[in-house]
């Protein structure tokens, strides 16, 4: 797969999200497991809804939790993980270990198409789209240009919450929970899977979505 050098993140991103994860990278896996539900289940669903993919991209790969699962689930695939935080990628690199030969890590913002050849069979957003605000719709448009026709977009993320105080607290952590992702996903892609799940008795719901890029 031919790679291009991704541009440096914008100054605005560097002063908000990247700075946030610079401090949270070492604690991320120990603290986020109690929030980030449905990740492994979505990857299992990808395997059920697609032929074995050859090229997989994860946007916002963080500390590499999903990259390890993807490498074990699809051992013949080449996987690319992109993240804004160099500190998170450093953790991912250590976590991958022997699996690193199957995975390329890219540092930067997803602010333009990666323009790789060949294009990707699967693009995964795992709890990253709700953090791209503003700009999540543009990120989806870029993913469409990086995705092969008939390829799959796979998303697991926060959906909504009936508790305004919780939404406010999540916004302080750079996460927007407004039920805004699913309607756009179902317009742009042919739905293969849509599931909404309640977390902590309904404090919030999270969505699992798999859609096919139409020809």
N, C-alpha and C. Protein backbone atom coordinates (compact mmCIF):
# COMPACT_ATOMS: atom_id res chain seq x y z
N UNK A 1 0.85 -1.19 0.00
CA UNK A 1 0.00 0.00 0.00
C UNK A 1 0.89 1.24 0.00
N UNK A 2 0.69 2.10 -0.98
CA UNK A 2 1.46 3.34 -1.07
C UNK A 2 0.92 4.34 -0.06
N UNK A 3 1.82 4.94 0.70
CA UNK A 3 1.42 5.90 1.72
C UNK A 3 1.83 7.30 1.31
N UNK A 4 1.09 8.28 1.82
CA UNK A 4 1.52 9.65 1.68
C UNK A 4 1.80 10.20 3.06
N UNK A 5 2.59 11.23 3.14
CA UNK A 5 2.87 11.87 4.41
C UNK A 5 1.69 12.72 4.80
N UNK A 6 1.13 12.47 5.97
CA UNK A 6 -0.03 13.24 6.40
C UNK A 6 0.43 14.59 6.92
N UNK A 7 -0.41 15.63 6.69
CA UNK A 7 -0.03 16.97 7.14
C UNK A 7 -0.06 17.08 8.65
N UNK A 8 0.66 18.07 9.15
CA UNK A 8 0.65 18.30 10.59
C UNK A 8 -0.73 18.75 11.04
N UNK A 9 -1.14 18.39 12.28
CA UNK A 9 -2.43 18.84 12.78
C UNK A 9 -2.47 20.36 12.87
N UNK A 10 -3.68 20.90 12.82
CA UNK A 10 -3.83 22.34 12.91
C UNK A 10 -3.49 22.80 14.32
N UNK A 11 -3.18 24.08 14.44
CA UNK A 11 -2.84 24.63 15.74
C UNK A 11 -4.00 24.48 16.71
N UNK A 12 -5.24 24.66 16.22
CA UNK A 12 -6.39 24.55 17.09
C UNK A 12 -6.49 23.16 17.72
N UNK A 13 -6.27 22.13 16.91
CA UNK A 13 -6.31 20.78 17.43
C UNK A 13 -5.19 20.55 18.45
N UNK A 14 -4.03 21.04 18.14
CA UNK A 14 -2.89 20.84 19.04
C UNK A 14 -3.13 21.46 20.41
N UNK A 15 -3.90 22.51 20.47
CA UNK A 15 -4.10 23.18 21.74
C UNK A 15 -5.31 22.63 22.51
N UNK A 16 -6.06 21.70 21.91
CA UNK A 16 -7.23 21.16 22.59
C UNK A 16 -7.13 19.65 22.74
N UNK A 17 -7.51 18.92 21.71
CA UNK A 17 -7.58 17.46 21.82
C UNK A 17 -6.21 16.84 22.01
N UNK A 18 -5.21 17.30 21.25
CA UNK A 18 -3.89 16.67 21.39
C UNK A 18 -3.30 16.94 22.77
N UNK A 19 -3.48 18.16 23.25
CA UNK A 19 -2.99 18.46 24.59
C UNK A 19 -3.70 17.61 25.64
N UNK A 20 -5.00 17.41 25.45
CA UNK A 20 -5.78 16.58 26.37
C UNK A 20 -5.20 15.17 26.44
N UNK A 21 -4.92 14.57 25.29
CA UNK A 21 -4.44 13.19 25.28
C UNK A 21 -2.95 13.08 25.61
N UNK A 22 -2.25 14.17 25.53
CA UNK A 22 -0.86 14.14 25.98
C UNK A 22 -0.79 13.74 27.45
N UNK A 23 -1.78 14.20 28.23
CA UNK A 23 -1.82 13.89 29.66
C UNK A 23 -2.54 12.58 29.95
N UNK A 24 -3.46 12.17 29.06
CA UNK A 24 -4.29 11.00 29.34
C UNK A 24 -3.76 9.71 28.72
N UNK A 25 -2.74 9.77 27.88
CA UNK A 25 -2.30 8.60 27.14
C UNK A 25 -1.94 7.43 28.06
N UNK A 26 -1.21 7.70 29.13
CA UNK A 26 -0.76 6.61 30.01
C UNK A 26 -1.90 6.01 30.82
N UNK A 27 -2.95 6.80 31.05
CA UNK A 27 -4.07 6.33 31.87
C UNK A 27 -5.25 5.85 31.04
N UNK A 28 -5.17 6.02 29.73
CA UNK A 28 -6.33 5.81 28.88
C UNK A 28 -6.92 4.41 29.01
N UNK A 29 -6.11 3.39 28.84
CA UNK A 29 -6.62 2.02 28.87
C UNK A 29 -7.15 1.64 30.25
N UNK A 30 -6.55 2.17 31.29
CA UNK A 30 -6.98 1.83 32.65
C UNK A 30 -8.29 2.50 33.04
N UNK A 31 -8.64 3.60 32.36
CA UNK A 31 -9.83 4.36 32.76
C UNK A 31 -10.97 4.27 31.76
N UNK A 32 -10.67 4.08 30.48
CA UNK A 32 -11.73 4.19 29.47
C UNK A 32 -12.50 2.90 29.23
N UNK A 33 -12.02 1.77 29.77
CA UNK A 33 -12.73 0.52 29.56
C UNK A 33 -14.16 0.59 30.08
N UNK A 34 -14.40 1.43 31.08
CA UNK A 34 -15.73 1.53 31.67
C UNK A 34 -16.66 2.43 30.88
N UNK A 35 -16.17 3.00 29.76
CA UNK A 35 -16.98 3.87 28.91
C UNK A 35 -17.11 3.35 27.48
N UNK A 36 -16.07 2.75 26.97
CA UNK A 36 -15.99 2.47 25.54
C UNK A 36 -16.51 1.06 25.24
N UNK A 37 -17.82 0.93 25.31
CA UNK A 37 -18.46 -0.38 25.11
C UNK A 37 -18.63 -0.67 23.62
N UNK A 38 -18.68 -1.97 23.30
CA UNK A 38 -19.08 -2.41 21.96
C UNK A 38 -17.97 -2.48 20.93
N UNK A 39 -16.73 -2.24 21.33
CA UNK A 39 -15.66 -2.22 20.34
C UNK A 39 -15.39 -3.61 19.77
N UNK A 40 -15.20 -4.59 20.63
CA UNK A 40 -14.92 -5.95 20.15
C UNK A 40 -16.10 -6.52 19.38
N UNK A 41 -17.31 -6.23 19.85
CA UNK A 41 -18.51 -6.73 19.16
C UNK A 41 -18.61 -6.17 17.75
N UNK A 42 -18.24 -4.90 17.57
CA UNK A 42 -18.30 -4.32 16.23
C UNK A 42 -17.29 -4.99 15.30
N UNK A 43 -16.11 -5.28 15.79
CA UNK A 43 -15.11 -5.94 14.94
C UNK A 43 -15.57 -7.36 14.57
N UNK A 44 -16.20 -8.05 15.52
CA UNK A 44 -16.77 -9.37 15.18
C UNK A 44 -17.84 -9.22 14.11
N UNK A 45 -18.64 -8.17 14.19
CA UNK A 45 -19.70 -7.95 13.20
C UNK A 45 -19.11 -7.62 11.84
N UNK A 46 -18.01 -6.90 11.80
CA UNK A 46 -17.34 -6.64 10.51
C UNK A 46 -17.00 -7.95 9.82
N UNK A 47 -16.49 -8.90 10.59
CA UNK A 47 -16.12 -10.20 10.03
C UNK A 47 -17.35 -10.93 9.47
N UNK A 48 -18.50 -10.73 10.06
CA UNK A 48 -19.73 -11.38 9.61
C UNK A 48 -20.31 -10.72 8.36
N UNK A 49 -20.06 -9.44 8.19
CA UNK A 49 -20.70 -8.67 7.13
C UNK A 49 -19.79 -8.38 5.95
N UNK A 50 -18.60 -8.94 5.92
CA UNK A 50 -17.70 -8.65 4.80
C UNK A 50 -16.85 -9.86 4.47
N UNK A 51 -16.37 -9.86 3.25
CA UNK A 51 -15.31 -10.80 2.90
C UNK A 51 -14.05 -10.38 3.66
N UNK A 52 -13.10 -11.28 3.84
CA UNK A 52 -11.89 -10.89 4.57
C UNK A 52 -11.25 -9.65 3.95
N UNK A 53 -11.21 -8.54 4.66
CA UNK A 53 -10.64 -7.32 4.08
C UNK A 53 -9.13 -7.41 3.95
N UNK A 54 -8.62 -6.75 2.92
CA UNK A 54 -7.17 -6.73 2.70
C UNK A 54 -6.54 -5.46 3.27
N UNK A 55 -7.31 -4.39 3.32
CA UNK A 55 -6.78 -3.11 3.77
C UNK A 55 -7.80 -2.44 4.69
N UNK A 56 -7.36 -2.13 5.91
CA UNK A 56 -8.25 -1.59 6.94
C UNK A 56 -7.62 -0.30 7.48
N UNK A 57 -8.46 0.71 7.68
CA UNK A 57 -8.03 1.97 8.26
C UNK A 57 -8.84 2.25 9.51
N UNK A 58 -8.16 2.60 10.61
CA UNK A 58 -8.86 3.09 11.79
C UNK A 58 -8.50 4.55 12.01
N UNK A 59 -9.51 5.40 12.07
CA UNK A 59 -9.33 6.82 12.33
C UNK A 59 -9.49 7.06 13.83
N UNK A 60 -8.45 7.61 14.44
CA UNK A 60 -8.47 7.82 15.89
C UNK A 60 -8.17 6.52 16.61
N UNK A 61 -7.05 5.89 16.24
CA UNK A 61 -6.75 4.55 16.77
C UNK A 61 -6.27 4.57 18.21
N UNK A 62 -5.91 5.73 18.73
CA UNK A 62 -5.54 5.84 20.13
C UNK A 62 -4.39 4.94 20.53
N UNK A 63 -4.59 4.21 21.61
CA UNK A 63 -3.54 3.35 22.17
C UNK A 63 -3.47 1.98 21.51
N UNK A 64 -4.22 1.77 20.44
CA UNK A 64 -4.09 0.55 19.67
C UNK A 64 -4.94 -0.62 20.12
N UNK A 65 -5.90 -0.40 21.02
CA UNK A 65 -6.76 -1.48 21.49
C UNK A 65 -7.43 -2.20 20.31
N UNK A 66 -8.04 -1.44 19.41
CA UNK A 66 -8.71 -2.05 18.27
C UNK A 66 -7.73 -2.61 17.26
N UNK A 67 -6.57 -1.97 17.12
CA UNK A 67 -5.60 -2.45 16.14
C UNK A 67 -5.15 -3.88 16.46
N UNK A 68 -4.96 -4.17 17.74
CA UNK A 68 -4.59 -5.52 18.14
C UNK A 68 -5.70 -6.51 17.80
N UNK A 69 -6.94 -6.13 18.12
CA UNK A 69 -8.07 -7.02 17.81
C UNK A 69 -8.22 -7.21 16.31
N UNK A 70 -8.08 -6.13 15.54
CA UNK A 70 -8.17 -6.24 14.09
C UNK A 70 -7.08 -7.14 13.53
N UNK A 71 -5.86 -7.02 14.04
CA UNK A 71 -4.75 -7.83 13.53
C UNK A 71 -4.97 -9.31 13.82
N UNK A 72 -5.56 -9.63 14.97
CA UNK A 72 -5.85 -11.03 15.28
C UNK A 72 -7.04 -11.54 14.47
N UNK A 73 -8.04 -10.68 14.24
CA UNK A 73 -9.24 -11.10 13.54
C UNK A 73 -9.01 -11.24 12.04
N UNK A 74 -8.17 -10.35 11.49
CA UNK A 74 -7.90 -10.34 10.05
C UNK A 74 -6.38 -10.43 9.82
N UNK A 75 -5.80 -11.60 10.05
CA UNK A 75 -4.33 -11.71 10.01
C UNK A 75 -3.73 -11.47 8.63
N UNK A 76 -4.53 -11.57 7.57
CA UNK A 76 -4.00 -11.35 6.22
C UNK A 76 -4.11 -9.89 5.79
N UNK A 77 -4.72 -9.05 6.59
CA UNK A 77 -4.95 -7.66 6.21
C UNK A 77 -3.77 -6.77 6.61
N UNK A 78 -3.58 -5.73 5.82
CA UNK A 78 -2.69 -4.65 6.26
C UNK A 78 -3.55 -3.58 6.89
N UNK A 79 -3.16 -3.12 8.06
CA UNK A 79 -3.98 -2.21 8.86
C UNK A 79 -3.22 -0.91 9.05
N UNK A 80 -3.93 0.19 8.90
CA UNK A 80 -3.37 1.52 9.13
C UNK A 80 -4.13 2.18 10.27
N UNK A 81 -3.40 2.70 11.24
CA UNK A 81 -4.01 3.44 12.33
C UNK A 81 -3.54 4.88 12.31
N UNK A 82 -4.49 5.81 12.32
CA UNK A 82 -4.18 7.24 12.30
C UNK A 82 -4.65 7.87 13.59
N UNK A 83 -3.81 8.70 14.21
CA UNK A 83 -4.22 9.39 15.43
C UNK A 83 -3.52 10.74 15.53
N UNK A 84 -4.21 11.67 16.18
CA UNK A 84 -3.69 13.02 16.37
C UNK A 84 -2.61 13.09 17.43
N UNK A 85 -2.62 12.13 18.37
CA UNK A 85 -1.74 12.20 19.53
C UNK A 85 -0.52 11.30 19.37
N UNK A 86 0.64 11.92 19.38
CA UNK A 86 1.89 11.14 19.32
C UNK A 86 2.05 10.27 20.55
N UNK A 87 1.60 10.76 21.70
CA UNK A 87 1.72 9.99 22.94
C UNK A 87 0.85 8.74 22.89
N UNK A 88 -0.35 8.85 22.36
CA UNK A 88 -1.22 7.67 22.22
C UNK A 88 -0.61 6.65 21.26
N UNK A 89 -0.03 7.14 20.17
CA UNK A 89 0.59 6.24 19.20
C UNK A 89 1.81 5.54 19.79
N UNK A 90 2.52 6.20 20.67
CA UNK A 90 3.67 5.56 21.32
C UNK A 90 3.22 4.38 22.16
N UNK A 91 2.09 4.53 22.84
CA UNK A 91 1.52 3.41 23.61
C UNK A 91 1.09 2.30 22.66
N UNK A 92 0.45 2.67 21.55
CA UNK A 92 0.00 1.67 20.58
C UNK A 92 1.16 0.88 20.01
N UNK A 93 2.25 1.55 19.73
CA UNK A 93 3.42 0.88 19.14
C UNK A 93 3.96 -0.20 20.08
N UNK A 94 4.01 0.11 21.37
CA UNK A 94 4.47 -0.88 22.35
C UNK A 94 3.47 -2.03 22.47
N UNK A 95 2.19 -1.70 22.44
CA UNK A 95 1.15 -2.71 22.61
C UNK A 95 1.14 -3.70 21.44
N UNK A 96 1.40 -3.22 20.25
CA UNK A 96 1.34 -4.08 19.08
C UNK A 96 2.42 -5.15 19.09
N UNK A 97 3.62 -4.84 19.56
CA UNK A 97 4.67 -5.85 19.64
C UNK A 97 4.91 -6.53 18.32
N UNK A 98 4.79 -7.85 18.31
CA UNK A 98 5.05 -8.64 17.10
C UNK A 98 4.04 -8.36 16.00
N UNK A 99 2.89 -7.82 16.34
CA UNK A 99 1.87 -7.53 15.34
C UNK A 99 2.20 -6.29 14.52
N UNK A 100 3.24 -5.56 14.90
CA UNK A 100 3.57 -4.30 14.24
C UNK A 100 3.83 -4.47 12.75
N UNK A 101 4.25 -5.65 12.34
CA UNK A 101 4.53 -5.87 10.92
C UNK A 101 3.26 -5.80 10.08
N UNK A 102 2.09 -5.95 10.71
CA UNK A 102 0.81 -5.89 10.00
C UNK A 102 0.18 -4.51 10.06
N UNK A 103 0.78 -3.59 10.81
CA UNK A 103 0.12 -2.32 11.12
C UNK A 103 1.05 -1.16 10.84
N UNK A 104 0.54 -0.14 10.16
CA UNK A 104 1.25 1.12 9.98
C UNK A 104 0.58 2.19 10.83
N UNK A 105 1.36 2.95 11.56
CA UNK A 105 0.83 4.01 12.42
C UNK A 105 1.18 5.37 11.81
N UNK A 106 0.16 6.22 11.67
CA UNK A 106 0.33 7.55 11.12
C UNK A 106 -0.07 8.59 12.15
N UNK A 107 0.75 9.61 12.26
CA UNK A 107 0.48 10.69 13.21
C UNK A 107 -0.05 11.90 12.45
N UNK A 108 -1.24 12.36 12.83
CA UNK A 108 -1.78 13.56 12.20
C UNK A 108 -3.28 13.63 12.34
N UNK A 109 -3.82 14.74 11.89
CA UNK A 109 -5.27 14.92 11.86
C UNK A 109 -5.83 14.36 10.56
N UNK A 110 -7.05 13.91 10.61
CA UNK A 110 -7.71 13.41 9.40
C UNK A 110 -8.40 14.59 8.72
N UNK A 111 -7.58 15.50 8.23
CA UNK A 111 -8.13 16.71 7.63
C UNK A 111 -8.01 16.73 6.11
N UNK A 112 -7.60 15.61 5.53
CA UNK A 112 -7.62 15.44 4.08
C UNK A 112 -7.58 13.94 3.80
N UNK A 113 -8.02 13.58 2.60
CA UNK A 113 -7.97 12.18 2.21
C UNK A 113 -6.54 11.66 2.28
N UNK A 114 -6.38 10.41 2.73
CA UNK A 114 -5.04 9.83 2.80
C UNK A 114 -4.48 9.51 1.43
N UNK A 115 -5.36 9.34 0.44
CA UNK A 115 -4.95 9.11 -0.95
C UNK A 115 -3.98 7.94 -1.07
N UNK A 116 -4.30 6.86 -0.39
CA UNK A 116 -3.46 5.66 -0.47
C UNK A 116 -3.96 4.75 -1.59
N UNK A 117 -3.05 3.96 -2.11
CA UNK A 117 -3.37 3.00 -3.15
C UNK A 117 -2.91 1.62 -2.71
N UNK A 118 -3.80 0.63 -2.70
CA UNK A 118 -5.23 0.71 -3.01
C UNK A 118 -6.02 1.35 -1.88
N UNK A 119 -7.29 1.64 -2.18
CA UNK A 119 -8.15 2.22 -1.17
C UNK A 119 -8.55 1.13 -0.16
N UNK A 120 -9.24 1.54 0.89
CA UNK A 120 -9.50 0.63 2.01
C UNK A 120 -10.80 -0.15 1.82
N UNK A 121 -10.78 -1.39 2.31
CA UNK A 121 -11.98 -2.22 2.30
C UNK A 121 -12.86 -1.94 3.51
N UNK A 122 -12.25 -1.53 4.62
CA UNK A 122 -12.97 -1.21 5.86
C UNK A 122 -12.34 0.03 6.47
N UNK A 123 -13.18 0.98 6.89
CA UNK A 123 -12.71 2.12 7.67
C UNK A 123 -13.50 2.14 8.98
N UNK A 124 -12.76 2.19 10.07
CA UNK A 124 -13.34 2.11 11.41
C UNK A 124 -13.18 3.43 12.14
N UNK A 125 -14.30 3.89 12.71
CA UNK A 125 -14.30 5.01 13.65
C UNK A 125 -14.79 4.45 14.99
N UNK A 126 -13.94 4.41 15.96
CA UNK A 126 -14.30 3.87 17.28
C UNK A 126 -14.18 4.98 18.32
N UNK A 127 -15.32 5.51 18.73
CA UNK A 127 -15.36 6.59 19.71
C UNK A 127 -14.45 7.76 19.30
N UNK A 128 -14.45 8.06 18.04
CA UNK A 128 -13.65 9.18 17.54
C UNK A 128 -14.50 10.25 16.86
N UNK A 129 -15.58 9.86 16.18
CA UNK A 129 -16.38 10.85 15.47
C UNK A 129 -16.99 11.89 16.41
N UNK A 130 -17.44 11.46 17.59
CA UNK A 130 -18.04 12.43 18.51
C UNK A 130 -17.01 13.39 19.07
N UNK A 131 -15.72 13.10 18.85
CA UNK A 131 -14.66 14.02 19.30
C UNK A 131 -14.23 14.97 18.18
N UNK A 132 -14.67 14.70 16.97
CA UNK A 132 -14.31 15.57 15.85
C UNK A 132 -15.43 16.60 15.70
N UNK A 133 -15.39 17.61 16.53
CA UNK A 133 -16.42 18.63 16.47
C UNK A 133 -15.79 20.01 16.71
N UNK A 134 -15.89 20.88 15.70
CA UNK A 134 -16.58 20.63 14.43
C UNK A 134 -15.74 19.76 13.50
N UNK A 135 -16.38 19.27 12.44
CA UNK A 135 -15.64 18.57 11.40
C UNK A 135 -15.99 17.12 11.20
N UNK A 136 -16.94 16.56 11.98
CA UNK A 136 -17.21 15.13 11.84
C UNK A 136 -17.83 14.79 10.49
N UNK A 137 -18.66 15.68 9.95
CA UNK A 137 -19.25 15.41 8.63
C UNK A 137 -18.18 15.41 7.55
N UNK A 138 -17.23 16.32 7.66
CA UNK A 138 -16.12 16.34 6.71
C UNK A 138 -15.27 15.08 6.84
N UNK A 139 -15.09 14.58 8.06
CA UNK A 139 -14.33 13.34 8.27
C UNK A 139 -15.02 12.17 7.58
N UNK A 140 -16.34 12.12 7.67
CA UNK A 140 -17.08 11.05 6.98
C UNK A 140 -16.94 11.18 5.47
N UNK A 141 -16.96 12.41 4.97
CA UNK A 141 -16.79 12.61 3.52
C UNK A 141 -15.41 12.14 3.08
N UNK A 142 -14.38 12.45 3.87
CA UNK A 142 -13.04 11.98 3.54
C UNK A 142 -12.96 10.46 3.58
N UNK A 143 -13.64 9.86 4.57
CA UNK A 143 -13.64 8.40 4.66
C UNK A 143 -14.27 7.79 3.41
N UNK A 144 -15.32 8.41 2.89
CA UNK A 144 -15.95 7.89 1.68
C UNK A 144 -14.97 7.90 0.51
N UNK A 145 -14.14 8.93 0.43
CA UNK A 145 -13.18 8.99 -0.67
C UNK A 145 -12.04 8.00 -0.48
N UNK A 146 -11.77 7.60 0.76
CA UNK A 146 -10.71 6.63 1.04
C UNK A 146 -11.23 5.19 1.04
N UNK A 147 -12.53 5.01 0.88
CA UNK A 147 -13.16 3.69 0.98
C UNK A 147 -13.47 3.15 -0.41
N UNK A 148 -13.18 1.88 -0.63
CA UNK A 148 -13.50 1.25 -1.91
C UNK A 148 -15.01 1.15 -2.08
N UNK A 149 -15.48 1.16 -3.32
CA UNK A 149 -16.90 0.90 -3.58
C UNK A 149 -17.23 -0.50 -3.08
N UNK A 150 -18.31 -0.60 -2.33
CA UNK A 150 -18.65 -1.87 -1.71
C UNK A 150 -17.95 -2.09 -0.39
N UNK A 151 -17.03 -1.19 -0.03
CA UNK A 151 -16.35 -1.30 1.25
C UNK A 151 -17.25 -0.88 2.39
N UNK A 152 -16.79 -1.14 3.61
CA UNK A 152 -17.63 -0.92 4.79
C UNK A 152 -17.09 0.20 5.67
N UNK A 153 -17.99 1.06 6.09
CA UNK A 153 -17.71 2.01 7.17
C UNK A 153 -18.26 1.40 8.45
N UNK A 154 -17.47 1.38 9.50
CA UNK A 154 -17.89 0.78 10.76
C UNK A 154 -17.70 1.80 11.87
N UNK A 155 -18.75 2.03 12.64
CA UNK A 155 -18.73 3.07 13.68
C UNK A 155 -19.28 2.51 14.97
N UNK A 156 -18.55 2.72 16.06
CA UNK A 156 -19.10 2.52 17.39
C UNK A 156 -18.79 3.79 18.15
N UNK A 157 -19.82 4.36 18.79
CA UNK A 157 -19.62 5.67 19.41
C UNK A 157 -20.79 5.99 20.33
N UNK A 158 -20.61 7.03 21.12
CA UNK A 158 -21.70 7.55 21.92
C UNK A 158 -22.82 8.04 20.99
N UNK A 159 -24.06 7.79 21.41
CA UNK A 159 -25.20 8.21 20.59
C UNK A 159 -25.92 9.40 21.23
N UNK A 160 -26.49 9.20 22.41
CA UNK A 160 -27.26 10.27 23.03
C UNK A 160 -27.37 10.01 24.52
N UNK A 161 -27.87 11.02 25.23
CA UNK A 161 -28.09 10.90 26.67
C UNK A 161 -29.28 11.77 27.05
N UNK A 162 -30.14 11.29 27.96
CA UNK A 162 -31.25 12.11 28.44
C UNK A 162 -30.85 13.04 29.58
N UNK A 163 -29.59 13.02 29.96
CA UNK A 163 -29.13 13.75 31.15
C UNK A 163 -28.27 14.94 30.71
N UNK A 164 -28.80 16.17 30.77
CA UNK A 164 -28.03 17.34 30.32
C UNK A 164 -26.71 17.51 31.04
N UNK A 165 -26.65 17.21 32.32
CA UNK A 165 -25.41 17.37 33.07
C UNK A 165 -24.33 16.43 32.55
N UNK A 166 -24.73 15.20 32.20
CA UNK A 166 -23.76 14.25 31.64
C UNK A 166 -23.25 14.75 30.29
N UNK A 167 -24.15 15.28 29.45
CA UNK A 167 -23.72 15.82 28.16
C UNK A 167 -22.72 16.96 28.36
N UNK A 168 -23.00 17.80 29.34
CA UNK A 168 -22.11 18.92 29.61
C UNK A 168 -20.73 18.42 30.06
N UNK A 169 -20.74 17.42 30.92
CA UNK A 169 -19.47 16.86 31.39
C UNK A 169 -18.68 16.24 30.25
N UNK A 170 -19.38 15.55 29.34
CA UNK A 170 -18.70 14.96 28.20
C UNK A 170 -18.14 16.02 27.26
N UNK A 171 -18.86 17.15 27.11
CA UNK A 171 -18.32 18.23 26.28
C UNK A 171 -17.02 18.77 26.85
N UNK A 172 -16.91 18.78 28.18
CA UNK A 172 -15.66 19.20 28.80
C UNK A 172 -14.51 18.25 28.45
N UNK A 173 -14.86 17.02 28.08
CA UNK A 173 -13.88 16.02 27.66
C UNK A 173 -13.86 15.87 26.14
N UNK A 174 -14.30 16.92 25.45
CA UNK A 174 -14.22 17.03 23.98
C UNK A 174 -15.15 16.07 23.25
N UNK A 175 -16.21 15.59 23.89
CA UNK A 175 -17.13 14.64 23.27
C UNK A 175 -18.51 15.27 23.16
N UNK A 176 -19.09 15.23 21.96
CA UNK A 176 -20.43 15.74 21.71
C UNK A 176 -21.40 14.57 21.57
N UNK A 177 -22.41 14.53 22.43
CA UNK A 177 -23.40 13.44 22.41
C UNK A 177 -24.76 14.05 22.13
N UNK A 178 -25.14 14.11 20.86
CA UNK A 178 -26.38 14.77 20.49
C UNK A 178 -27.23 13.93 19.53
N UNK A 179 -26.94 12.64 19.41
CA UNK A 179 -27.70 11.80 18.49
C UNK A 179 -27.51 12.17 17.03
N UNK A 180 -26.40 12.80 16.70
CA UNK A 180 -26.22 13.38 15.38
C UNK A 180 -25.55 12.46 14.37
N UNK A 181 -24.89 11.41 14.84
CA UNK A 181 -24.13 10.57 13.91
C UNK A 181 -25.01 9.64 13.08
N UNK A 182 -25.91 8.94 13.73
CA UNK A 182 -26.66 7.87 13.06
C UNK A 182 -27.47 8.36 11.87
N UNK A 183 -28.23 9.46 11.97
CA UNK A 183 -28.98 9.90 10.78
C UNK A 183 -28.10 10.13 9.57
N UNK A 184 -26.93 10.73 9.77
CA UNK A 184 -26.02 10.98 8.65
C UNK A 184 -25.47 9.68 8.09
N UNK A 185 -25.10 8.75 8.96
CA UNK A 185 -24.56 7.47 8.50
C UNK A 185 -25.58 6.71 7.66
N UNK A 186 -26.83 6.73 8.08
CA UNK A 186 -27.86 5.96 7.37
C UNK A 186 -28.24 6.60 6.04
N UNK A 187 -27.95 7.90 5.88
CA UNK A 187 -28.16 8.55 4.60
C UNK A 187 -27.02 8.25 3.63
N UNK A 188 -25.81 8.21 4.13
CA UNK A 188 -24.62 8.11 3.27
C UNK A 188 -24.26 6.68 2.88
N UNK A 189 -24.69 5.69 3.66
CA UNK A 189 -24.27 4.30 3.44
C UNK A 189 -25.45 3.36 3.46
N UNK A 190 -25.32 2.28 2.70
CA UNK A 190 -26.34 1.24 2.74
C UNK A 190 -26.17 0.44 4.02
N UNK A 191 -27.17 0.50 4.85
CA UNK A 191 -27.05 -0.07 6.19
C UNK A 191 -26.92 -1.58 6.15
N UNK A 192 -25.92 -2.07 6.85
CA UNK A 192 -25.75 -3.50 7.09
C UNK A 192 -26.11 -3.85 8.54
N UNK A 193 -25.81 -2.93 9.44
CA UNK A 193 -26.08 -3.17 10.86
C UNK A 193 -26.29 -1.83 11.56
N UNK A 194 -27.36 -1.75 12.34
CA UNK A 194 -27.56 -0.62 13.25
C UNK A 194 -28.07 -1.17 14.58
N UNK A 195 -27.35 -0.88 15.65
CA UNK A 195 -27.79 -1.29 16.98
C UNK A 195 -27.55 -0.15 17.95
N UNK A 196 -28.53 0.09 18.80
CA UNK A 196 -28.41 1.05 19.89
C UNK A 196 -28.46 0.29 21.20
N UNK A 197 -27.53 0.61 22.10
CA UNK A 197 -27.44 -0.08 23.39
C UNK A 197 -27.42 0.94 24.52
N UNK A 198 -28.06 0.58 25.61
CA UNK A 198 -28.08 1.42 26.79
C UNK A 198 -26.88 1.12 27.68
N UNK A 199 -26.30 2.15 28.25
CA UNK A 199 -25.19 2.00 29.18
C UNK A 199 -25.57 2.59 30.53
N UNK A 200 -25.21 1.87 31.59
CA UNK A 200 -25.47 2.33 32.96
C UNK A 200 -26.92 2.74 33.17
N UNK A 201 -27.82 1.81 32.80
CA UNK A 201 -29.23 2.04 33.05
C UNK A 201 -29.84 3.14 32.22
N UNK A 202 -29.20 3.52 31.14
CA UNK A 202 -29.73 4.55 30.27
C UNK A 202 -29.10 5.92 30.46
N UNK A 203 -28.01 5.99 31.23
CA UNK A 203 -27.32 7.27 31.35
C UNK A 203 -26.91 7.78 29.97
N UNK A 204 -26.51 6.87 29.10
CA UNK A 204 -26.32 7.20 27.70
C UNK A 204 -26.59 5.97 26.87
N UNK A 205 -26.74 6.18 25.57
CA UNK A 205 -26.81 5.07 24.61
C UNK A 205 -25.62 5.18 23.67
N UNK A 206 -25.17 4.02 23.20
CA UNK A 206 -24.11 4.02 22.19
C UNK A 206 -24.60 3.27 20.96
N UNK A 207 -24.04 3.63 19.83
CA UNK A 207 -24.48 3.09 18.54
C UNK A 207 -23.38 2.23 17.94
N UNK A 208 -23.80 1.13 17.32
CA UNK A 208 -22.94 0.32 16.48
C UNK A 208 -23.54 0.34 15.08
N UNK A 209 -22.74 0.73 14.12
CA UNK A 209 -23.23 0.88 12.74
C UNK A 209 -22.21 0.31 11.78
N UNK A 210 -22.70 -0.45 10.80
CA UNK A 210 -21.90 -0.89 9.67
C UNK A 210 -22.69 -0.56 8.42
N UNK A 211 -22.04 0.16 7.49
CA UNK A 211 -22.71 0.51 6.24
C UNK A 211 -21.80 0.28 5.06
N UNK A 212 -22.40 0.02 3.92
CA UNK A 212 -21.65 -0.24 2.69
C UNK A 212 -21.66 1.00 1.80
N UNK A 213 -20.49 1.32 1.26
CA UNK A 213 -20.41 2.44 0.32
C UNK A 213 -21.06 2.03 -0.99
N UNK A 214 -22.08 2.80 -1.41
CA UNK A 214 -22.75 2.43 -2.68
C UNK A 214 -21.88 2.70 -3.88
N UNK A 215 -22.12 1.93 -4.94
CA UNK A 215 -21.36 2.12 -6.19
C UNK A 215 -21.81 3.38 -6.89
